[in-house]
Amino acid sequence: MEETLKKINNNEPRINHELFNKARLQKGLSRMKLALEAEVAPQTVNRLLQGKPTRPSNVKKVGEALEIPPLDWYIRD
């Protein structure tokens, strides 16, 4: 329980995973194809699209591959 609270209350910015997934679908890309285009591991794409913590450098690669403006990559509270 305490570990779950730590994960929810950490200071890491939350990825706007719904926007990433919407952009991926609009471009007609599978998760694997997106991983290839962004030059990241397929597991990285899966984590990002699930809203799980992902390295900022990988968020950047996927965001750029999907042509999402950098200001939209993360959810601002």
PDB file of N, CA and C in Angstrom:
ATOM      1  N   MET A   1       0.827  -1.191   0.000  1.00  0.00           N
ATOM      2  CA  MET A   1       0.000   0.000   0.000  1.00  0.00           C
ATOM      3  C   MET A   1       0.868   1.250   0.000  1.00  0.00           C
ATOM      4  N   GLU A   2       1.852   1.301   0.891  1.00  0.00           N
ATOM      5  CA  GLU A   2       2.724   2.467   0.982  1.00  0.00           C
ATOM      6  C   GLU A   2       3.501   2.672  -0.313  1.00  0.00           C
ATOM      7  N   GLU A   3       3.948   1.576  -0.927  1.00  0.00           N
ATOM      8  CA  GLU A   3       4.679   1.665  -2.195  1.00  0.00           C
ATOM      9  C   GLU A   3       3.782   2.247  -3.291  1.00  0.00           C
ATOM     10  N   THR A   4       2.527   1.855  -3.311  1.00  0.00           N
ATOM     11  CA  THR A   4       1.580   2.387  -4.293  1.00  0.00           C
ATOM     12  C   THR A   4       1.425   3.893  -4.118  1.00  0.00           C
ATOM     13  N   LEU A   5       1.335   4.355  -2.882  1.00  0.00           N
ATOM     14  CA  LEU A   5       1.211   5.787  -2.619  1.00  0.00           C
ATOM     15  C   LEU A   5       2.431   6.547  -3.098  1.00  0.00           C
ATOM     16  N   LYS A   6       3.599   5.977  -2.919  1.00  0.00           N
ATOM     17  CA  LYS A   6       4.822   6.624  -3.389  1.00  0.00           C
ATOM     18  C   LYS A   6       4.776   6.801  -4.907  1.00  0.00           C
ATOM     19  N   LYS A   7       4.309   5.780  -5.609  1.00  0.00           N
ATOM     20  CA  LYS A   7       4.257   5.850  -7.067  1.00  0.00           C
ATOM     21  C   LYS A   7       3.264   6.914  -7.531  1.00  0.00           C
ATOM     22  N   ILE A   8       2.155   7.019  -6.837  1.00  0.00           N
ATOM     23  CA  ILE A   8       1.145   7.988  -7.226  1.00  0.00           C
ATOM     24  C   ILE A   8       1.595   9.406  -6.898  1.00  0.00           C
ATOM     25  N   ASN A   9       2.286   9.578  -5.798  1.00  0.00           N
ATOM     26  CA  ASN A   9       2.642  10.907  -5.323  1.00  0.00           C
ATOM     27  C   ASN A   9       4.036  11.363  -5.722  1.00  0.00           C
ATOM     28  N   ASN A  10       4.710  10.623  -6.584  1.00  0.00           N
ATOM     29  CA  ASN A  10       6.055  11.057  -6.961  1.00  0.00           C
ATOM     30  C   ASN A  10       5.987  12.330  -7.799  1.00  0.00           C
ATOM     31  N   ASN A  11       7.115  12.947  -8.010  1.00  0.00           N
ATOM     32  CA  ASN A  11       7.167  14.219  -8.722  1.00  0.00           C
ATOM     33  C   ASN A  11       7.429  14.079 -10.217  1.00  0.00           C
ATOM     34  N   GLU A  12       7.431  12.863 -10.721  1.00  0.00           N
ATOM     35  CA  GLU A  12       7.674  12.675 -12.146  1.00  0.00           C
ATOM     36  C   GLU A  12       6.479  13.205 -12.943  1.00  0.00           C
ATOM     37  N   PRO A  13       6.744  13.916 -14.017  1.00  0.00           N
ATOM     38  CA  PRO A  13       5.619  14.391 -14.841  1.00  0.00           C
ATOM     39  C   PRO A  13       4.902  13.204 -15.479  1.00  0.00           C
ATOM     40  N   ARG A  14       3.602  13.328 -15.620  1.00  0.00           N
ATOM     41  CA  ARG A  14       2.814  12.257 -16.230  1.00  0.00           C
ATOM     42  C   ARG A  14       2.780  12.447 -17.739  1.00  0.00           C
ATOM     43  N   ILE A  15       3.035  11.376 -18.450  1.00  0.00           N
ATOM     44  CA  ILE A  15       3.030  11.401 -19.911  1.00  0.00           C
ATOM     45  C   ILE A  15       1.597  11.498 -20.406  1.00  0.00           C
ATOM     46  N   ASN A  16       1.385  12.306 -21.418  1.00  0.00           N
ATOM     47  CA  ASN A  16       0.066  12.456 -22.030  1.00  0.00           C
ATOM     48  C   ASN A  16      -0.156  11.267 -22.970  1.00  0.00           C
ATOM     49  N   HIS A  17      -0.269  10.077 -22.378  1.00  0.00           N
ATOM     50  CA  HIS A  17      -0.300   8.845 -23.169  1.00  0.00           C
ATOM     51  C   HIS A  17      -1.518   8.759 -24.091  1.00  0.00           C
ATOM     52  N   GLU A  18      -2.625   9.362 -23.713  1.00  0.00           N
ATOM     53  CA  GLU A  18      -3.801   9.321 -24.587  1.00  0.00           C
ATOM     54  C   GLU A  18      -3.539  10.085 -25.886  1.00  0.00           C
ATOM     55  N   LEU A  19      -2.860  11.217 -25.783  1.00  0.00           N
ATOM     56  CA  LEU A  19      -2.514  11.989 -26.982  1.00  0.00           C
ATOM     57  C   LEU A  19      -1.542  11.206 -27.866  1.00  0.00           C
ATOM     58  N   PHE A  20      -0.549  10.563 -27.247  1.00  0.00           N
ATOM     59  CA  PHE A  20       0.413   9.766 -28.009  1.00  0.00           C
ATOM     60  C   PHE A  20      -0.308   8.639 -28.747  1.00  0.00           C
ATOM     61  N   ASN A  21      -1.218   7.962 -28.051  1.00  0.00           N
ATOM     62  CA  ASN A  21      -1.917   6.846 -28.685  1.00  0.00           C
ATOM     63  C   ASN A  21      -2.842   7.337 -29.795  1.00  0.00           C
ATOM     64  N   LYS A  22      -3.514   8.458 -29.573  1.00  0.00           N
ATOM     65  CA  LYS A  22      -4.390   9.028 -30.607  1.00  0.00           C
ATOM     66  C   LYS A  22      -3.587   9.393 -31.855  1.00  0.00           C
ATOM     67  N   ALA A  23      -2.427  10.027 -31.656  1.00  0.00           N
ATOM     68  CA  ALA A  23      -1.577  10.398 -32.789  1.00  0.00           C
ATOM     69  C   ALA A  23      -1.078   9.157 -33.527  1.00  0.00           C
ATOM     70  N   ARG A  24      -0.731   8.126 -32.781  1.00  0.00           N
ATOM     71  CA  ARG A  24      -0.259   6.874 -33.389  1.00  0.00           C
ATOM     72  C   ARG A  24      -1.353   6.276 -34.262  1.00  0.00           C
ATOM     73  N   LEU A  25      -2.568   6.230 -33.738  1.00  0.00           N
ATOM     74  CA  LEU A  25      -3.679   5.652 -34.499  1.00  0.00           C
ATOM     75  C   LEU A  25      -4.027   6.493 -35.723  1.00  0.00           C
ATOM     76  N   GLN A  26      -3.967   7.811 -35.580  1.00  0.00           N
ATOM     77  CA  GLN A  26      -4.254   8.686 -36.720  1.00  0.00           C
ATOM     78  C   GLN A  26      -3.247   8.491 -37.837  1.00  0.00           C
ATOM     79  N   LYS A  27      -2.016   8.159 -37.485  1.00  0.00           N
ATOM     80  CA  LYS A  27      -0.985   7.919 -38.498  1.00  0.00           C
ATOM     81  C   LYS A  27      -1.030   6.483 -39.015  1.00  0.00           C
ATOM     82  N   GLY A  28      -1.876   5.659 -38.415  1.00  0.00           N
ATOM     83  CA  GLY A  28      -2.000   4.270 -38.857  1.00  0.00           C
ATOM     84  C   GLY A  28      -0.798   3.422 -38.511  1.00  0.00           C
ATOM     85  N   LEU A  29      -0.149   3.739 -37.400  1.00  0.00           N
ATOM     86  CA  LEU A  29       1.055   3.012 -37.004  1.00  0.00           C
ATOM     87  C   LEU A  29       0.751   1.968 -35.937  1.00  0.00           C
ATOM     88  N   SER A  30       1.288   0.794 -36.132  1.00  0.00           N
ATOM     89  CA  SER A  30       1.238  -0.192 -35.056  1.00  0.00           C
ATOM     90  C   SER A  30       2.258   0.219 -34.008  1.00  0.00           C
ATOM     91  N   ARG A  31       2.189  -0.382 -32.859  1.00  0.00           N
ATOM     92  CA  ARG A  31       3.173  -0.081 -31.807  1.00  0.00           C
ATOM     93  C   ARG A  31       4.583  -0.445 -32.280  1.00  0.00           C
ATOM     94  N   MET A  32       4.694  -1.558 -32.973  1.00  0.00           N
ATOM     95  CA  MET A  32       6.001  -1.998 -33.470  1.00  0.00           C
ATOM     96  C   MET A  32       6.542  -1.021 -34.507  1.00  0.00           C
ATOM     97  N   LYS A  33       5.703  -0.601 -35.436  1.00  0.00           N
ATOM     98  CA  LYS A  33       6.136   0.347 -36.476  1.00  0.00           C
ATOM     99  C   LYS A  33       6.556   1.673 -35.838  1.00  0.00           C
ATOM    100  N   LEU A  34       5.825   2.129 -34.837  1.00  0.00           N
ATOM    101  CA  LEU A  34       6.190   3.350 -34.140  1.00  0.00           C
ATOM    102  C   LEU A  34       7.547   3.187 -33.461  1.00  0.00           C
ATOM    103  N   ALA A  35       7.776   2.061 -32.837  1.00  0.00           N
ATOM    104  CA  ALA A  35       9.063   1.803 -32.193  1.00  0.00           C
ATOM    105  C   ALA A  35      10.195   1.867 -33.218  1.00  0.00           C
ATOM    106  N   LEU A  36       9.986   1.288 -34.383  1.00  0.00           N
ATOM    107  CA  LEU A  36      11.000   1.318 -35.433  1.00  0.00           C
ATOM    108  C   LEU A  36      11.250   2.746 -35.912  1.00  0.00           C
ATOM    109  N   GLU A  37      10.174   3.505 -36.128  1.00  0.00           N
ATOM    110  CA  GLU A  37      10.326   4.880 -36.614  1.00  0.00           C
ATOM    111  C   GLU A  37      10.989   5.785 -35.579  1.00  0.00           C
ATOM    112  N   ALA A  38      10.678   5.559 -34.304  1.00  0.00           N
ATOM    113  CA  ALA A  38      11.248   6.389 -33.237  1.00  0.00           C
ATOM    114  C   ALA A  38      12.617   5.889 -32.784  1.00  0.00           C
ATOM    115  N   GLU A  39      13.005   4.712 -33.265  1.00  0.00           N
ATOM    116  CA  GLU A  39      14.274   4.089 -32.894  1.00  0.00           C
ATOM    117  C   GLU A  39      14.370   3.848 -31.387  1.00  0.00           C
ATOM    118  N   VAL A  40      13.292   3.258 -30.856  1.00  0.00           N
ATOM    119  CA  VAL A  40      13.253   2.843 -29.452  1.00  0.00           C
ATOM    120  C   VAL A  40      12.768   1.401 -29.406  1.00  0.00           C
ATOM    121  N   ALA A  41      12.916   0.776 -28.267  1.00  0.00           N
ATOM    122  CA  ALA A  41      12.462  -0.604 -28.096  1.00  0.00           C
ATOM    123  C   ALA A  41      10.935  -0.664 -28.074  1.00  0.00           C
ATOM    124  N   PRO A  42      10.362  -1.739 -28.588  1.00  0.00           N
ATOM    125  CA  PRO A  42       8.907  -1.882 -28.533  1.00  0.00           C
ATOM    126  C   PRO A  42       8.362  -1.785 -27.101  1.00  0.00           C
ATOM    127  N   GLN A  43       9.125  -2.286 -26.137  1.00  0.00           N
ATOM    128  CA  GLN A  43       8.699  -2.204 -24.739  1.00  0.00           C
ATOM    129  C   GLN A  43       8.587  -0.753 -24.282  1.00  0.00           C
ATOM    130  N   THR A  44       9.444   0.097 -24.811  1.00  0.00           N
ATOM    131  CA  THR A  44       9.406   1.521 -24.488  1.00  0.00           C
ATOM    132  C   THR A  44       8.105   2.145 -24.980  1.00  0.00           C
ATOM    133  N   VAL A  45       7.717   1.819 -26.188  1.00  0.00           N
ATOM    134  CA  VAL A  45       6.460   2.330 -26.741  1.00  0.00           C
ATOM    135  C   VAL A  45       5.283   1.831 -25.902  1.00  0.00           C
ATOM    136  N   ASN A  46       5.306   0.564 -25.538  1.00  0.00           N
ATOM    137  CA  ASN A  46       4.229   0.021 -24.719  1.00  0.00           C
ATOM    138  C   ASN A  46       4.126   0.749 -23.389  1.00  0.00           C
ATOM    139  N   ARG A  47       5.256   0.975 -22.728  1.00  0.00           N
ATOM    140  CA  ARG A  47       5.253   1.683 -21.446  1.00  0.00           C
ATOM    141  C   ARG A  47       4.710   3.100 -21.622  1.00  0.00           C
ATOM    142  N   LEU A  48       5.181   3.788 -22.629  1.00  0.00           N
ATOM    143  CA  LEU A  48       4.760   5.165 -22.865  1.00  0.00           C
ATOM    144  C   LEU A  48       3.253   5.233 -23.128  1.00  0.00           C
ATOM    145  N   LEU A  49       2.742   4.335 -23.968  1.00  0.00           N
ATOM    146  CA  LEU A  49       1.322   4.361 -24.312  1.00  0.00           C
ATOM    147  C   LEU A  49       0.427   3.931 -23.156  1.00  0.00           C
ATOM    148  N   GLN A  50       1.023   3.322 -22.141  1.00  0.00           N
ATOM    149  CA  GLN A  50       0.276   2.957 -20.935  1.00  0.00           C
ATOM    150  C   GLN A  50       0.412   4.030 -19.853  1.00  0.00           C
ATOM    151  N   GLY A  51       1.174   5.083 -20.154  1.00  0.00           N
ATOM    152  CA  GLY A  51       1.356   6.163 -19.193  1.00  0.00           C
ATOM    153  C   GLY A  51       2.345   5.853 -18.090  1.00  0.00           C
ATOM    154  N   LYS A  52       3.146   4.836 -18.285  1.00  0.00           N
ATOM    155  CA  LYS A  52       4.137   4.458 -17.276  1.00  0.00           C
ATOM    156  C   LYS A  52       5.385   5.333 -17.420  1.00  0.00           C
ATOM    157  N   PRO A  53       6.156   5.473 -16.340  1.00  0.00           N
ATOM    158  CA  PRO A  53       7.379   6.285 -16.420  1.00  0.00           C
ATOM    159  C   PRO A  53       8.285   5.816 -17.560  1.00  0.00           C
ATOM    160  N   THR A  54       8.738   6.774 -18.332  1.00  0.00           N
ATOM    161  CA  THR A  54       9.584   6.511 -19.498  1.00  0.00           C
ATOM    162  C   THR A  54      10.666   7.578 -19.532  1.00  0.00           C
ATOM    163  N   ARG A  55      11.864   7.203 -19.923  1.00  0.00           N
ATOM    164  CA  ARG A  55      12.963   8.176 -19.990  1.00  0.00           C
ATOM    165  C   ARG A  55      12.566   9.363 -20.869  1.00  0.00           C
ATOM    166  N   PRO A  56      12.873  10.566 -20.411  1.00  0.00           N
ATOM    167  CA  PRO A  56      12.553  11.752 -21.219  1.00  0.00           C
ATOM    168  C   PRO A  56      13.131  11.694 -22.629  1.00  0.00           C
ATOM    169  N   SER A  57      14.317  11.112 -22.780  1.00  0.00           N
ATOM    170  CA  SER A  57      14.912  11.027 -24.124  1.00  0.00           C
ATOM    171  C   SER A  57      14.065  10.148 -25.043  1.00  0.00           C
ATOM    172  N   ASN A  58      13.448   9.114 -24.486  1.00  0.00           N
ATOM    173  CA  ASN A  58      12.584   8.250 -25.294  1.00  0.00           C
ATOM    174  C   ASN A  58      11.231   8.901 -25.568  1.00  0.00           C
ATOM    175  N   VAL A  59      10.717   9.667 -24.596  1.00  0.00           N
ATOM    176  CA  VAL A  59       9.483  10.411 -24.832  1.00  0.00           C
ATOM    177  C   VAL A  59       9.719  11.380 -25.989  1.00  0.00           C
ATOM    178  N   LYS A  60      10.885  12.005 -26.004  1.00  0.00           N
ATOM    179  CA  LYS A  60      11.244  12.949 -27.065  1.00  0.00           C
ATOM    180  C   LYS A  60      11.267  12.251 -28.426  1.00  0.00           C
ATOM    181  N   LYS A  61      11.903  11.096 -28.503  1.00  0.00           N
ATOM    182  CA  LYS A  61      11.997  10.370 -29.775  1.00  0.00           C
ATOM    183  C   LYS A  61      10.620   9.996 -30.306  1.00  0.00           C
ATOM    184  N   VAL A  62       9.775   9.479 -29.417  1.00  0.00           N
ATOM    185  CA  VAL A  62       8.439   9.063 -29.850  1.00  0.00           C
ATOM    186  C   VAL A  62       7.596  10.288 -30.189  1.00  0.00           C
ATOM    187  N   GLY A  63       7.684  11.329 -29.375  1.00  0.00           N
ATOM    188  CA  GLY A  63       6.943  12.559 -29.642  1.00  0.00           C
ATOM    189  C   GLY A  63       7.306  13.159 -30.984  1.00  0.00           C
ATOM    190  N   GLU A  64       8.582  13.173 -31.282  1.00  0.00           N
ATOM    191  CA  GLU A  64       9.031  13.705 -32.569  1.00  0.00           C
ATOM    192  C   GLU A  64       8.571  12.825 -33.727  1.00  0.00           C
ATOM    193  N   ALA A  65       8.613  11.504 -33.535  1.00  0.00           N
ATOM    194  CA  ALA A  65       8.166  10.592 -34.598  1.00  0.00           C
ATOM    195  C   ALA A  65       6.682  10.789 -34.889  1.00  0.00           C
ATOM    196  N   LEU A  66       5.912  11.149 -33.860  1.00  0.00           N
ATOM    197  CA  LEU A  66       4.474  11.362 -34.030  1.00  0.00           C
ATOM    198  C   LEU A  66       4.119  12.813 -34.344  1.00  0.00           C
ATOM    199  N   GLU A  67       5.154  13.666 -34.400  1.00  0.00           N
ATOM    200  CA  GLU A  67       4.983  15.093 -34.683  1.00  0.00           C
ATOM    201  C   GLU A  67       4.078  15.784 -33.663  1.00  0.00           C
ATOM    202  N   ILE A  68       4.256  15.406 -32.397  1.00  0.00           N
ATOM    203  CA  ILE A  68       3.521  16.030 -31.300  1.00  0.00           C
ATOM    204  C   ILE A  68       4.390  17.159 -30.756  1.00  0.00           C
ATOM    205  N   PRO A  69       3.835  18.364 -30.589  1.00  0.00           N
ATOM    206  CA  PRO A  69       4.624  19.473 -30.039  1.00  0.00           C
ATOM    207  C   PRO A  69       5.130  19.142 -28.632  1.00  0.00           C
ATOM    208  N   PRO A  70       6.379  19.477 -28.321  1.00  0.00           N
ATOM    209  CA  PRO A  70       6.960  19.147 -27.011  1.00  0.00           C
ATOM    210  C   PRO A  70       6.124  19.610 -25.815  1.00  0.00           C
ATOM    211  N   LEU A  71       5.449  20.728 -25.914  1.00  0.00           N
ATOM    212  CA  LEU A  71       4.656  21.206 -24.782  1.00  0.00           C
ATOM    213  C   LEU A  71       3.476  20.291 -24.460  1.00  0.00           C
ATOM    214  N   ASP A  72       3.130  19.400 -25.379  1.00  0.00           N
ATOM    215  CA  ASP A  72       2.002  18.486 -25.172  1.00  0.00           C
ATOM    216  C   ASP A  72       2.415  17.097 -24.705  1.00  0.00           C
ATOM    217  N   TRP A  73       3.701  16.847 -24.556  1.00  0.00           N
ATOM    218  CA  TRP A  73       4.171  15.511 -24.193  1.00  0.00           C
ATOM    219  C   TRP A  73       3.762  15.104 -22.783  1.00  0.00           C
ATOM    220  N   TYR A  74       3.676  16.071 -21.881  1.00  0.00           N
ATOM    221  CA  TYR A  74       3.367  15.776 -20.484  1.00  0.00           C
ATOM    222  C   TYR A  74       2.095  16.506 -20.053  1.00  0.00           C
ATOM    223  N   ILE A  75       1.413  15.914 -19.090  1.00  0.00           N
ATOM    224  CA  ILE A  75       0.224  16.528 -18.522  1.00  0.00           C
ATOM    225  C   ILE A  75       0.673  17.481 -17.433  1.00  0.00           C
ATOM    226  N   ARG A  76       0.194  18.699 -17.532  1.00  0.00           N
ATOM    227  CA  ARG A  76       0.514  19.696 -16.517  1.00  0.00           C
ATOM    228  C   ARG A  76      -0.614  19.737 -15.495  1.00  0.00           C
ATOM    229  N   ASP A  77      -0.238  19.673 -14.234  1.00  0.00           N
ATOM    230  CA  ASP A  77      -1.254  19.706 -13.162  1.00  0.00           C
ATOM    231  C   ASP A  77      -1.679  21.109 -12.839  1.00  0.00           C
TER     232      ASP A  77
END
